[in-house]
Amino acid sequence: MQVSAGQTIEAEVDGRAARLTSLDRVLWPVTGATKGWMLHAYTNLAPALLPHLRGHPITMWRFPGGVDEEGWWQNECRGAPPWVAAYRYTGKTVASTVIA
Protein backbone atom coordinates (compact mmCIF):
# COMPACT_ATOMS: atom_id res chain seq x y z
CA MET A 1 0.00 0.00 0.00
CA GLN A 2 1.57 3.30 -1.07
CA VAL A 3 0.31 6.27 0.91
CA SER A 4 1.72 9.76 0.74
CA ALA A 5 2.67 11.55 3.96
CA GLY A 6 -0.30 12.97 5.82
CA GLN A 7 -2.84 11.23 3.59
CA THR A 8 -6.06 10.01 5.18
CA ILE A 9 -7.95 7.05 3.77
CA GLU A 10 -11.63 6.51 4.43
CA ALA A 11 -12.34 2.79 4.59
CA GLU A 12 -15.41 0.69 5.24
CA VAL A 13 -15.09 -2.27 7.59
CA ASP A 14 -18.16 -4.47 8.03
CA GLY A 15 -20.35 -1.59 6.89
CA ARG A 16 -18.79 0.89 9.32
CA ALA A 17 -16.73 3.92 8.35
CA ALA A 18 -13.10 3.95 9.50
CA ARG A 19 -10.59 6.77 8.99
CA LEU A 20 -7.02 5.54 8.54
CA THR A 21 -4.24 8.07 9.07
CA SER A 22 -0.42 8.12 9.10
CA LEU A 23 -0.18 4.83 7.23
CA ASP A 24 3.35 5.72 6.11
CA ARG A 25 4.57 6.11 9.72
CA VAL A 26 7.45 3.70 10.33
CA LEU A 27 6.75 1.68 13.47
CA TRP A 28 9.61 -0.84 13.22
CA PRO A 29 12.72 1.08 12.04
CA VAL A 30 14.94 -2.01 11.66
CA THR A 31 12.62 -3.52 9.04
CA GLY A 32 10.97 -0.33 7.81
CA ALA A 33 7.51 -1.77 8.56
CA THR A 34 4.83 0.91 8.66
CA LYS A 35 1.45 1.41 10.26
CA GLY A 36 -0.08 0.58 6.85
CA TRP A 37 1.82 -2.71 6.79
CA MET A 38 0.60 -3.52 10.31
CA LEU A 39 -3.03 -2.84 9.35
CA HIS A 40 -2.62 -5.04 6.27
CA ALA A 41 -1.18 -7.83 8.45
CA TYR A 42 -4.03 -7.48 10.97
CA THR A 43 -6.55 -7.67 8.12
CA ASN A 44 -5.02 -10.95 6.97
CA LEU A 45 -4.86 -12.34 10.52
CA ALA A 46 -8.36 -11.23 11.56
CA PRO A 47 -10.30 -14.34 10.47
CA ALA A 48 -8.10 -16.56 12.65
CA LEU A 49 -7.43 -14.10 15.49
CA LEU A 50 -10.76 -12.36 16.17
CA PRO A 51 -12.74 -15.44 17.24
CA HIS A 52 -10.22 -15.93 20.07
CA LEU A 53 -10.38 -12.29 21.18
CA ARG A 54 -14.17 -11.93 21.13
CA GLY A 55 -15.54 -11.23 24.59
CA HIS A 56 -12.11 -10.72 26.18
CA PRO A 57 -10.76 -7.40 27.49
CA ILE A 58 -7.88 -5.90 25.55
CA THR A 59 -4.97 -3.91 26.96
CA MET A 60 -2.16 -3.00 24.63
CA TRP A 61 1.12 -1.16 24.41
CA ARG A 62 1.00 2.00 22.28
CA PHE A 63 4.16 3.29 20.56
CA PRO A 64 3.07 6.40 18.62
CA GLY A 65 6.68 7.25 17.68
CA GLY A 66 7.66 3.69 16.80
CA VAL A 67 9.01 0.83 18.89
CA ASP A 68 12.31 2.61 19.52
CA GLU A 69 10.51 5.49 21.28
CA GLU A 70 8.74 5.63 24.64
CA GLY A 71 5.47 3.71 24.81
CA TRP A 72 2.53 3.46 27.20
CA TRP A 73 -0.22 1.02 28.16
CA GLN A 74 -3.66 1.76 26.80
CA ASN A 75 -6.34 0.20 28.94
CA GLU A 76 -9.03 2.86 28.63
CA CYS A 77 -11.35 3.11 25.66
CA ARG A 78 -11.83 6.84 25.21
CA GLY A 79 -13.64 8.08 22.11
CA ALA A 80 -14.80 4.68 20.92
CA PRO A 81 -17.62 4.66 18.37
CA PRO A 82 -21.05 3.63 19.69
CA TRP A 83 -20.81 0.16 18.09
CA VAL A 84 -17.75 -0.77 20.20
CA ALA A 85 -18.86 -2.55 23.37
CA ALA A 86 -16.89 -1.44 26.43
CA TYR A 87 -17.21 -1.93 30.17
CA ARG A 88 -15.63 -0.39 33.26
CA TYR A 89 -13.86 -2.39 35.87
CA THR A 90 -11.90 -1.46 38.95
CA GLY A 91 -8.61 -3.19 39.63
CA LYS A 92 -6.44 -2.88 42.71
CA THR A 93 -5.40 0.70 41.99
CA VAL A 94 -6.92 1.87 38.68
CA ALA A 95 -10.35 1.95 37.15
CA SER A 96 -10.21 1.18 33.43
CA THR A 97 -12.53 0.87 30.49
CA VAL A 98 -12.03 -2.21 28.36
CA ILE A 99 -13.30 -3.04 24.88
CA ALA A 100 -15.55 -6.07 25.19
PDB file of N, CA and C in Angstrom:
ATOM      1  N   MET A   1       0.852  -1.169   0.000  1.00  0.00           N
ATOM      2  CA  MET A   1       0.000   0.000   0.000  1.00  0.00           C
ATOM      3  C   MET A   1       0.896   1.230   0.000  1.00  0.00           C
ATOM      4  N   GLN A   2       0.812   2.051  -1.011  1.00  0.00           N
ATOM      5  CA  GLN A   2       1.568   3.295  -1.066  1.00  0.00           C
ATOM      6  C   GLN A   2       0.668   4.432  -0.619  1.00  0.00           C
ATOM      7  N   VAL A   3       1.090   5.154   0.385  1.00  0.00           N
ATOM      8  CA  VAL A   3       0.313   6.266   0.913  1.00  0.00           C
ATOM      9  C   VAL A   3       1.257   7.433   1.083  1.00  0.00           C
ATOM     10  N   SER A   4       0.865   8.594   0.585  1.00  0.00           N
ATOM     11  CA  SER A   4       1.725   9.759   0.742  1.00  0.00           C
ATOM     12  C   SER A   4       1.584  10.323   2.146  1.00  0.00           C
ATOM     13  N   ALA A   5       2.630  11.015   2.600  1.00  0.00           N
ATOM     14  CA  ALA A   5       2.668  11.553   3.965  1.00  0.00           C
ATOM     15  C   ALA A   5       1.436  12.405   4.243  1.00  0.00           C
ATOM     16  N   GLY A   6       0.843  12.180   5.388  1.00  0.00           N
ATOM     17  CA  GLY A   6      -0.296  12.971   5.822  1.00  0.00           C
ATOM     18  C   GLY A   6      -1.613  12.574   5.178  1.00  0.00           C
ATOM     19  N   GLN A   7      -1.616  11.630   4.262  1.00  0.00           N
ATOM     20  CA  GLN A   7      -2.839  11.231   3.589  1.00  0.00           C
ATOM     21  C   GLN A   7      -3.751  10.462   4.537  1.00  0.00           C
ATOM     22  N   THR A   8      -5.047  10.729   4.411  1.00  0.00           N
ATOM     23  CA  THR A   8      -6.058  10.012   5.183  1.00  0.00           C
ATOM     24  C   THR A   8      -6.874   9.169   4.218  1.00  0.00           C
ATOM     25  N   ILE A   9      -7.134   7.952   4.591  1.00  0.00           N
ATOM     26  CA  ILE A   9      -7.946   7.053   3.774  1.00  0.00           C
ATOM     27  C   ILE A   9      -9.228   6.752   4.536  1.00  0.00           C
ATOM     28  N   GLU A  10     -10.341   6.898   3.861  1.00  0.00           N
ATOM     29  CA  GLU A  10     -11.627   6.510   4.431  1.00  0.00           C
ATOM     30  C   GLU A  10     -11.898   5.085   3.973  1.00  0.00           C
ATOM     31  N   ALA A  11     -12.112   4.196   4.913  1.00  0.00           N
ATOM     32  CA  ALA A  11     -12.345   2.793   4.587  1.00  0.00           C
ATOM     33  C   ALA A  11     -13.674   2.365   5.181  1.00  0.00           C
ATOM     34  N   GLU A  12     -14.196   1.268   4.679  1.00  0.00           N
ATOM     35  CA  GLU A  12     -15.406   0.688   5.244  1.00  0.00           C
ATOM     36  C   GLU A  12     -15.065  -0.714   5.728  1.00  0.00           C
ATOM     37  N   VAL A  13     -15.375  -0.971   6.986  1.00  0.00           N
ATOM     38  CA  VAL A  13     -15.095  -2.268   7.591  1.00  0.00           C
ATOM     39  C   VAL A  13     -16.407  -2.795   8.156  1.00  0.00           C
ATOM     40  N   ASP A  14     -16.878  -3.900   7.612  1.00  0.00           N
ATOM     41  CA  ASP A  14     -18.159  -4.475   8.034  1.00  0.00           C
ATOM     42  C   ASP A  14     -19.277  -3.440   8.040  1.00  0.00           C
ATOM     43  N   GLY A  15     -19.297  -2.586   7.017  1.00  0.00           N
ATOM     44  CA  GLY A  15     -20.349  -1.590   6.889  1.00  0.00           C
ATOM     45  C   GLY A  15     -20.172  -0.370   7.771  1.00  0.00           C
ATOM     46  N   ARG A  16     -19.046  -0.253   8.433  1.00  0.00           N
ATOM     47  CA  ARG A  16     -18.790   0.886   9.321  1.00  0.00           C
ATOM     48  C   ARG A  16     -17.634   1.715   8.773  1.00  0.00           C
ATOM     49  N   ALA A  17     -17.764   3.026   8.853  1.00  0.00           N
ATOM     50  CA  ALA A  17     -16.726   3.918   8.347  1.00  0.00           C
ATOM     51  C   ALA A  17     -15.532   3.926   9.292  1.00  0.00           C
ATOM     52  N   ALA A  18     -14.339   3.882   8.716  1.00  0.00           N
ATOM     53  CA  ALA A  18     -13.101   3.952   9.497  1.00  0.00           C
ATOM     54  C   ALA A  18     -12.159   4.915   8.791  1.00  0.00           C
ATOM     55  N   ARG A  19     -11.551   5.822   9.548  1.00  0.00           N
ATOM     56  CA  ARG A  19     -10.589   6.770   8.987  1.00  0.00           C
ATOM     57  C   ARG A  19      -9.193   6.282   9.346  1.00  0.00           C
ATOM     58  N   LEU A  20      -8.375   6.043   8.344  1.00  0.00           N
ATOM     59  CA  LEU A  20      -7.016   5.543   8.539  1.00  0.00           C
ATOM     60  C   LEU A  20      -6.039   6.672   8.248  1.00  0.00           C
ATOM     61  N   THR A  21      -5.181   6.971   9.214  1.00  0.00           N
ATOM     62  CA  THR A  21      -4.236   8.071   9.067  1.00  0.00           C
ATOM     63  C   THR A  21      -2.813   7.588   9.315  1.00  0.00           C
ATOM     64  N   SER A  22      -1.853   8.360   8.850  1.00  0.00           N
ATOM     65  CA  SER A  22      -0.419   8.123   9.104  1.00  0.00           C
ATOM     66  C   SER A  22       0.020   6.717   8.724  1.00  0.00           C
ATOM     67  N   LEU A  23      -0.498   6.202   7.637  1.00  0.00           N
ATOM     68  CA  LEU A  23      -0.178   4.835   7.229  1.00  0.00           C
ATOM     69  C   LEU A  23       1.279   4.671   6.817  1.00  0.00           C
ATOM     70  N   ASP A  24       1.941   5.782   6.501  1.00  0.00           N
ATOM     71  CA  ASP A  24       3.350   5.722   6.112  1.00  0.00           C
ATOM     72  C   ASP A  24       4.293   5.841   7.314  1.00  0.00           C
ATOM     73  N   ARG A  25       3.743   5.980   8.515  1.00  0.00           N
ATOM     74  CA  ARG A  25       4.565   6.105   9.717  1.00  0.00           C
ATOM     75  C   ARG A  25       5.318   4.803   9.968  1.00  0.00           C
ATOM     76  N   VAL A  26       6.626   4.878  10.073  1.00  0.00           N
ATOM     77  CA  VAL A  26       7.446   3.699  10.333  1.00  0.00           C
ATOM     78  C   VAL A  26       7.341   3.352  11.812  1.00  0.00           C
ATOM     79  N   LEU A  27       6.883   2.143  12.090  1.00  0.00           N
ATOM     80  CA  LEU A  27       6.747   1.681  13.473  1.00  0.00           C
ATOM     81  C   LEU A  27       7.912   0.790  13.886  1.00  0.00           C
ATOM     82  N   TRP A  28       8.478   0.051  12.946  1.00  0.00           N
ATOM     83  CA  TRP A  28       9.606  -0.837  13.215  1.00  0.00           C
ATOM     84  C   TRP A  28      10.784  -0.402  12.331  1.00  0.00           C
ATOM     85  N   PRO A  29      11.640   0.508  12.850  1.00  0.00           N
ATOM     86  CA  PRO A  29      12.720   1.076  12.043  1.00  0.00           C
ATOM     87  C   PRO A  29      13.678   0.047  11.453  1.00  0.00           C
ATOM     88  N   VAL A  30      13.974  -1.020  12.156  1.00  0.00           N
ATOM     89  CA  VAL A  30      14.937  -2.010  11.662  1.00  0.00           C
ATOM     90  C   VAL A  30      14.462  -2.632  10.352  1.00  0.00           C
ATOM     91  N   THR A  31      13.161  -2.889  10.256  1.00  0.00           N
ATOM     92  CA  THR A  31      12.623  -3.519   9.045  1.00  0.00           C
ATOM     93  C   THR A  31      11.963  -2.522   8.108  1.00  0.00           C
ATOM     94  N   GLY A  32      11.675  -1.320   8.613  1.00  0.00           N
ATOM     95  CA  GLY A  32      10.968  -0.328   7.810  1.00  0.00           C
ATOM     96  C   GLY A  32       9.470  -0.557   7.749  1.00  0.00           C
ATOM     97  N   ALA A  33       8.943  -1.466   8.567  1.00  0.00           N
ATOM     98  CA  ALA A  33       7.512  -1.772   8.560  1.00  0.00           C
ATOM     99  C   ALA A  33       6.713  -0.579   9.079  1.00  0.00           C
ATOM    100  N   THR A  34       5.637  -0.284   8.379  1.00  0.00           N
ATOM    101  CA  THR A  34       4.830   0.905   8.661  1.00  0.00           C
ATOM    102  C   THR A  34       3.496   0.546   9.317  1.00  0.00           C
ATOM    103  N   LYS A  35       2.795   1.582   9.729  1.00  0.00           N
ATOM    104  CA  LYS A  35       1.449   1.409  10.262  1.00  0.00           C
ATOM    105  C   LYS A  35       0.535   0.779   9.201  1.00  0.00           C
ATOM    106  N   GLY A  36       0.692   1.180   7.945  1.00  0.00           N
ATOM    107  CA  GLY A  36      -0.083   0.583   6.853  1.00  0.00           C
ATOM    108  C   GLY A  36       0.188  -0.905   6.722  1.00  0.00           C
ATOM    109  N   TRP A  37       1.460  -1.297   6.839  1.00  0.00           N
ATOM    110  CA  TRP A  37       1.824  -2.714   6.787  1.00  0.00           C
ATOM    111  C   TRP A  37       1.162  -3.475   7.936  1.00  0.00           C
ATOM    112  N   MET A  38       1.198  -2.879   9.141  1.00  0.00           N
ATOM    113  CA  MET A  38       0.601  -3.522  10.308  1.00  0.00           C
ATOM    114  C   MET A  38      -0.900  -3.720  10.108  1.00  0.00           C
ATOM    115  N   LEU A  39      -1.590  -2.701   9.588  1.00  0.00           N
ATOM    116  CA  LEU A  39      -3.028  -2.841   9.351  1.00  0.00           C
ATOM    117  C   LEU A  39      -3.313  -3.914   8.302  1.00  0.00           C
ATOM    118  N   HIS A  40      -2.477  -3.993   7.285  1.00  0.00           N
ATOM    119  CA  HIS A  40      -2.625  -5.041   6.267  1.00  0.00           C
ATOM    120  C   HIS A  40      -2.438  -6.427   6.908  1.00  0.00           C
ATOM    121  N   ALA A  41      -1.428  -6.558   7.761  1.00  0.00           N
ATOM    122  CA  ALA A  41      -1.177  -7.832   8.446  1.00  0.00           C
ATOM    123  C   ALA A  41      -2.360  -8.195   9.352  1.00  0.00           C
ATOM    124  N   TYR A  42      -2.877  -7.216  10.112  1.00  0.00           N
ATOM    125  CA  TYR A  42      -4.031  -7.481  10.975  1.00  0.00           C
ATOM    126  C   TYR A  42      -5.239  -7.912  10.150  1.00  0.00           C
ATOM    127  N   THR A  43      -5.436  -7.304   8.990  1.00  0.00           N
ATOM    128  CA  THR A  43      -6.553  -7.667   8.123  1.00  0.00           C
ATOM    129  C   THR A  43      -6.440  -9.131   7.697  1.00  0.00           C
ATOM    130  N   ASN A  44      -5.228  -9.553   7.372  1.00  0.00           N
ATOM    131  CA  ASN A  44      -5.019 -10.948   6.969  1.00  0.00           C
ATOM    132  C   ASN A  44      -5.161 -11.913   8.143  1.00  0.00           C
ATOM    133  N   LEU A  45      -4.788 -11.482   9.338  1.00  0.00           N
ATOM    134  CA  LEU A  45      -4.861 -12.340  10.520  1.00  0.00           C
ATOM    135  C   LEU A  45      -6.257 -12.382  11.155  1.00  0.00           C
ATOM    136  N   ALA A  46      -7.075 -11.391  10.874  1.00  0.00           N
ATOM    137  CA  ALA A  46      -8.363 -11.228  11.558  1.00  0.00           C
ATOM    138  C   ALA A  46      -9.238 -12.477  11.556  1.00  0.00           C
ATOM    139  N   PRO A  47      -9.410 -13.169  10.437  1.00  0.00           N
ATOM    140  CA  PRO A  47     -10.298 -14.340  10.467  1.00  0.00           C
ATOM    141  C   PRO A  47      -9.872 -15.399  11.482  1.00  0.00           C
ATOM    142  N   ALA A  48      -8.584 -15.568  11.694  1.00  0.00           N
ATOM    143  CA  ALA A  48      -8.098 -16.561  12.653  1.00  0.00           C
ATOM    144  C   ALA A  48      -8.011 -15.990  14.066  1.00  0.00           C
ATOM    145  N   LEU A  49      -7.696 -14.709  14.192  1.00  0.00           N
ATOM    146  CA  LEU A  49      -7.428 -14.097  15.493  1.00  0.00           C
ATOM    147  C   LEU A  49      -8.689 -13.631  16.226  1.00  0.00           C
ATOM    148  N   LEU A  50      -9.604 -12.982  15.509  1.00  0.00           N
ATOM    149  CA  LEU A  50     -10.755 -12.364  16.175  1.00  0.00           C
ATOM    150  C   LEU A  50     -11.657 -13.330  16.937  1.00  0.00           C
ATOM    151  N   PRO A  51     -11.905 -14.524  16.444  1.00  0.00           N
ATOM    152  CA  PRO A  51     -12.741 -15.439  17.242  1.00  0.00           C
ATOM    153  C   PRO A  51     -12.162 -15.724  18.628  1.00  0.00           C
ATOM    154  N   HIS A  52     -10.850 -15.665  18.772  1.00  0.00           N
ATOM    155  CA  HIS A  52     -10.215 -15.932  20.067  1.00  0.00           C
ATOM    156  C   HIS A  52     -10.233 -14.700  20.977  1.00  0.00           C
ATOM    157  N   LEU A  53     -10.359 -13.522  20.398  1.00  0.00           N
ATOM    158  CA  LEU A  53     -10.383 -12.288  21.184  1.00  0.00           C
ATOM    159  C   LEU A  53     -11.791 -11.882  21.606  1.00  0.00           C
ATOM    160  N   ARG A  54     -12.790 -12.338  20.863  1.00  0.00           N
ATOM    161  CA  ARG A  54     -14.173 -11.927  21.134  1.00  0.00           C
ATOM    162  C   ARG A  54     -14.544 -12.174  22.595  1.00  0.00           C
ATOM    163  N   GLY A  55     -15.079 -11.120  23.215  1.00  0.00           N
ATOM    164  CA  GLY A  55     -15.543 -11.228  24.593  1.00  0.00           C
ATOM    165  C   GLY A  55     -14.451 -11.098  25.644  1.00  0.00           C
ATOM    166  N   HIS A  56     -13.213 -10.859  25.231  1.00  0.00           N
ATOM    167  CA  HIS A  56     -12.111 -10.716  26.179  1.00  0.00           C
ATOM    168  C   HIS A  56     -11.635  -9.268  26.227  1.00  0.00           C
ATOM    169  N   PRO A  57     -11.298  -8.765  27.401  1.00  0.00           N
ATOM    170  CA  PRO A  57     -10.763  -7.403  27.493  1.00  0.00           C
ATOM    171  C   PRO A  57      -9.409  -7.299  26.784  1.00  0.00           C
ATOM    172  N   ILE A  58      -9.134  -6.127  26.268  1.00  0.00           N
ATOM    173  CA  ILE A  58      -7.877  -5.897  25.554  1.00  0.00           C
ATOM    174  C   ILE A  58      -7.134  -4.740  26.214  1.00  0.00           C
ATOM    175  N   THR A  59      -5.889  -4.960  26.533  1.00  0.00           N
ATOM    176  CA  THR A  59      -4.972  -3.911  26.963  1.00  0.00           C
ATOM    177  C   THR A  59      -3.770  -4.031  26.053  1.00  0.00           C
ATOM    178  N   MET A  60      -3.273  -2.903  25.568  1.00  0.00           N
ATOM    179  CA  MET A  60      -2.164  -2.996  24.626  1.00  0.00           C
ATOM    180  C   MET A  60      -1.138  -1.895  24.856  1.00  0.00           C
ATOM    181  N   TRP A  61       0.074  -2.167  24.423  1.00  0.00           N
ATOM    182  CA  TRP A  61       1.123  -1.165  24.414  1.00  0.00           C
ATOM    183  C   TRP A  61       0.910  -0.267  23.208  1.00  0.00           C
ATOM    184  N   ARG A  62       1.078   1.045  23.388  1.00  0.00           N
ATOM    185  CA  ARG A  62       1.002   1.999  22.280  1.00  0.00           C
ATOM    186  C   ARG A  62       2.388   2.611  22.114  1.00  0.00           C
ATOM    187  N   PHE A  63       2.865   2.689  20.895  1.00  0.00           N
ATOM    188  CA  PHE A  63       4.157   3.293  20.561  1.00  0.00           C
ATOM    189  C   PHE A  63       3.945   4.273  19.418  1.00  0.00           C
ATOM    190  N   PRO A  64       3.387   5.459  19.699  1.00  0.00           N
ATOM    191  CA  PRO A  64       3.074   6.405  18.625  1.00  0.00           C
ATOM    192  C   PRO A  64       4.294   6.822  17.798  1.00  0.00           C
ATOM    193  N   GLY A  65       5.471   6.857  18.392  1.00  0.00           N
ATOM    194  CA  GLY A  65       6.676   7.255  17.677  1.00  0.00           C
ATOM    195  C   GLY A  65       7.478   6.090  17.141  1.00  0.00           C
ATOM    196  N   GLY A  66       6.937   4.874  17.220  1.00  0.00           N
ATOM    197  CA  GLY A  66       7.663   3.685  16.801  1.00  0.00           C
ATOM    198  C   GLY A  66       8.195   2.931  18.005  1.00  0.00           C
ATOM    199  N   VAL A  67       8.604   1.695  17.786  1.00  0.00           N
ATOM    200  CA  VAL A  67       9.005   0.833  18.894  1.00  0.00           C
ATOM    201  C   VAL A  67      10.309   1.259  19.556  1.00  0.00           C
ATOM    202  N   ASP A  68      11.071   2.129  18.914  1.00  0.00           N
ATOM    203  CA  ASP A  68      12.306   2.614  19.525  1.00  0.00           C
ATOM    204  C   ASP A  68      12.080   3.816  20.432  1.00  0.00           C
ATOM    205  N   GLU A  69      10.860   4.336  20.452  1.00  0.00           N
ATOM    206  CA  GLU A  69      10.510   5.487  21.284  1.00  0.00           C
ATOM    207  C   GLU A  69       9.723   5.028  22.511  1.00  0.00           C
ATOM    208  N   GLU A  70       9.479   5.948  23.416  1.00  0.00           N
ATOM    209  CA  GLU A  70       8.742   5.628  24.636  1.00  0.00           C
ATOM    210  C   GLU A  70       7.313   5.204  24.307  1.00  0.00           C
ATOM    211  N   GLY A  71       6.831   4.196  25.008  1.00  0.00           N
ATOM    212  CA  GLY A  71       5.469   3.708  24.810  1.00  0.00           C
ATOM    213  C   GLY A  71       4.669   3.796  26.094  1.00  0.00           C
ATOM    214  N   TRP A  72       3.409   3.438  26.040  1.00  0.00           N
ATOM    215  CA  TRP A  72       2.534   3.461  27.201  1.00  0.00           C
ATOM    216  C   TRP A  72       1.431   2.416  27.025  1.00  0.00           C
ATOM    217  N   TRP A  73       0.888   1.967  28.164  1.00  0.00           N
ATOM    218  CA  TRP A  73      -0.218   1.018  28.164  1.00  0.00           C
ATOM    219  C   TRP A  73      -1.504   1.754  27.872  1.00  0.00           C
ATOM    220  N   GLN A  74      -2.325   1.226  27.002  1.00  0.00           N
ATOM    221  CA  GLN A  74      -3.663   1.763  26.801  1.00  0.00           C
ATOM    222  C   GLN A  74      -4.643   0.734  27.328  1.00  0.00           C
ATOM    223  N   ASN A  75      -5.327   1.099  28.403  1.00  0.00           N
ATOM    224  CA  ASN A  75      -6.340   0.199  28.937  1.00  0.00           C
ATOM    225  C   ASN A  75      -7.653   0.930  29.160  1.00  0.00           C
ATOM    226  N   GLU A  76      -7.776   2.132  28.606  1.00  0.00           N
ATOM    227  CA  GLU A  76      -9.032   2.860  28.627  1.00  0.00           C
ATOM    228  C   GLU A  76      -9.505   3.022  27.190  1.00  0.00           C
ATOM    229  N   CYS A  77     -10.767   3.043  27.000  1.00  0.00           N
ATOM    230  CA  CYS A  77     -11.351   3.107  25.660  1.00  0.00           C
ATOM    231  C   CYS A  77     -12.050   4.453  25.491  1.00  0.00           C
ATOM    232  N   ARG A  78     -11.262   5.505  25.372  1.00  0.00           N
ATOM    233  CA  ARG A  78     -11.834   6.842  25.207  1.00  0.00           C
ATOM    234  C   ARG A  78     -12.138   7.100  23.738  1.00  0.00           C
ATOM    235  N   GLY A  79     -13.299   7.682  23.468  1.00  0.00           N
ATOM    236  CA  GLY A  79     -13.639   8.082  22.113  1.00  0.00           C
ATOM    237  C   GLY A  79     -14.025   6.941  21.194  1.00  0.00           C
ATOM    238  N   ALA A  80     -14.395   5.814  21.756  1.00  0.00           N
ATOM    239  CA  ALA A  80     -14.798   4.676  20.916  1.00  0.00           C
ATOM    240  C   ALA A  80     -16.133   4.975  20.245  1.00  0.00           C
ATOM    241  N   PRO A  81     -16.321   4.485  19.026  1.00  0.00           N
ATOM    242  CA  PRO A  81     -17.624   4.664  18.375  1.00  0.00           C
ATOM    243  C   PRO A  81     -18.698   3.881  19.127  1.00  0.00           C
ATOM    244  N   PRO A  82     -19.959   4.272  18.952  1.00  0.00           N
ATOM    245  CA  PRO A  82     -21.052   3.631  19.692  1.00  0.00           C
ATOM    246  C   PRO A  82     -21.155   2.120  19.486  1.00  0.00           C
ATOM    247  N   TRP A  83     -20.677   1.598  18.363  1.00  0.00           N
ATOM    248  CA  TRP A  83     -20.806   0.164  18.091  1.00  0.00           C
ATOM    249  C   TRP A  83     -19.727  -0.668  18.773  1.00  0.00           C
ATOM    250  N   VAL A  84     -18.777  -0.031  19.465  1.00  0.00           N
ATOM    251  CA  VAL A  84     -17.750  -0.768  20.205  1.00  0.00           C
ATOM    252  C   VAL A  84     -18.247  -0.982  21.631  1.00  0.00           C
ATOM    253  N   ALA A  85     -18.410  -2.235  22.013  1.00  0.00           N
ATOM    254  CA  ALA A  85     -18.860  -2.549  23.366  1.00  0.00           C
ATOM    255  C   ALA A  85     -17.693  -2.361  24.342  1.00  0.00           C
ATOM    256  N   ALA A  86     -17.928  -1.660  25.424  1.00  0.00           N
ATOM    257  CA  ALA A  86     -16.891  -1.436  26.430  1.00  0.00           C
ATOM    258  C   ALA A  86     -17.520  -1.553  27.814  1.00  0.00           C
ATOM    259  N   TYR A  87     -16.714  -1.892  28.798  1.00  0.00           N
ATOM    260  CA  TYR A  87     -17.206  -1.927  30.167  1.00  0.00           C
ATOM    261  C   TYR A  87     -16.128  -1.390  31.096  1.00  0.00           C
ATOM    262  N   ARG A  88     -16.568  -0.903  32.259  1.00  0.00           N
ATOM    263  CA  ARG A  88     -15.634  -0.388  33.257  1.00  0.00           C
ATOM    264  C   ARG A  88     -15.403  -1.444  34.314  1.00  0.00           C
ATOM    265  N   TYR A  89     -14.169  -1.513  34.754  1.00  0.00           N
ATOM    266  CA  TYR A  89     -13.865  -2.392  35.870  1.00  0.00           C
ATOM    267  C   TYR A  89     -12.885  -1.659  36.771  1.00  0.00           C
ATOM    268  N   THR A  90     -12.816  -2.071  38.005  1.00  0.00           N
ATOM    269  CA  THR A  90     -11.901  -1.461  38.952  1.00  0.00           C
ATOM    270  C   THR A  90     -10.935  -2.531  39.427  1.00  0.00           C
ATOM    271  N   GLY A  91      -9.659  -2.279  39.179  1.00  0.00           N
ATOM    272  CA  GLY A  91      -8.611  -3.191  39.625  1.00  0.00           C
ATOM    273  C   GLY A  91      -8.140  -2.763  41.001  1.00  0.00           C
ATOM    274  N   LYS A  92      -6.964  -3.217  41.387  1.00  0.00           N
ATOM    275  CA  LYS A  92      -6.436  -2.884  42.715  1.00  0.00           C
ATOM    276  C   LYS A  92      -6.222  -1.392  42.893  1.00  0.00           C
ATOM    277  N   THR A  93      -5.720  -0.712  41.816  1.00  0.00           N
ATOM    278  CA  THR A  93      -5.399   0.698  41.990  1.00  0.00           C
ATOM    279  C   THR A  93      -5.998   1.593  40.917  1.00  0.00           C
ATOM    280  N   VAL A  94      -6.486   1.032  39.805  1.00  0.00           N
ATOM    281  CA  VAL A  94      -6.917   1.866  38.680  1.00  0.00           C
ATOM    282  C   VAL A  94      -8.231   1.363  38.129  1.00  0.00           C
ATOM    283  N   ALA A  95      -9.133   2.300  37.857  1.00  0.00           N
ATOM    284  CA  ALA A  95     -10.354   1.946  37.145  1.00  0.00           C
ATOM    285  C   ALA A  95     -10.079   2.110  35.659  1.00  0.00           C
ATOM    286  N   SER A  96     -10.481   1.147  34.855  1.00  0.00           N
ATOM    287  CA  SER A  96     -10.208   1.175  33.431  1.00  0.00           C
ATOM    288  C   SER A  96     -11.446   0.799  32.645  1.00  0.00           C
ATOM    289  N   THR A  97     -11.495   1.259  31.412  1.00  0.00           N
ATOM    290  CA  THR A  97     -12.535   0.867  30.488  1.00  0.00           C
ATOM    291  C   THR A  97     -11.922  -0.068  29.480  1.00  0.00           C
ATOM    292  N   VAL A  98     -12.585  -1.168  29.213  1.00  0.00           N
ATOM    293  CA  VAL A  98     -12.032  -2.209  28.359  1.00  0.00           C
ATOM    294  C   VAL A  98     -13.001  -2.488  27.224  1.00  0.00           C
ATOM    295  N   ILE A  99     -12.472  -2.659  26.012  1.00  0.00           N
ATOM    296  CA  ILE A  99     -13.304  -3.043  24.884  1.00  0.00           C
ATOM    297  C   ILE A  99     -13.738  -4.481  25.088  1.00  0.00           C
ATOM    298  N   ALA A 100     -15.021  -4.712  24.968  1.00  0.00           N
ATOM    299  CA  ALA A 100     -15.554  -6.066  25.189  1.00  0.00           C
ATOM    300  C   ALA A 100     -15.756  -6.784  23.876  1.00  0.00           C
TER     301      ALA A 100
END
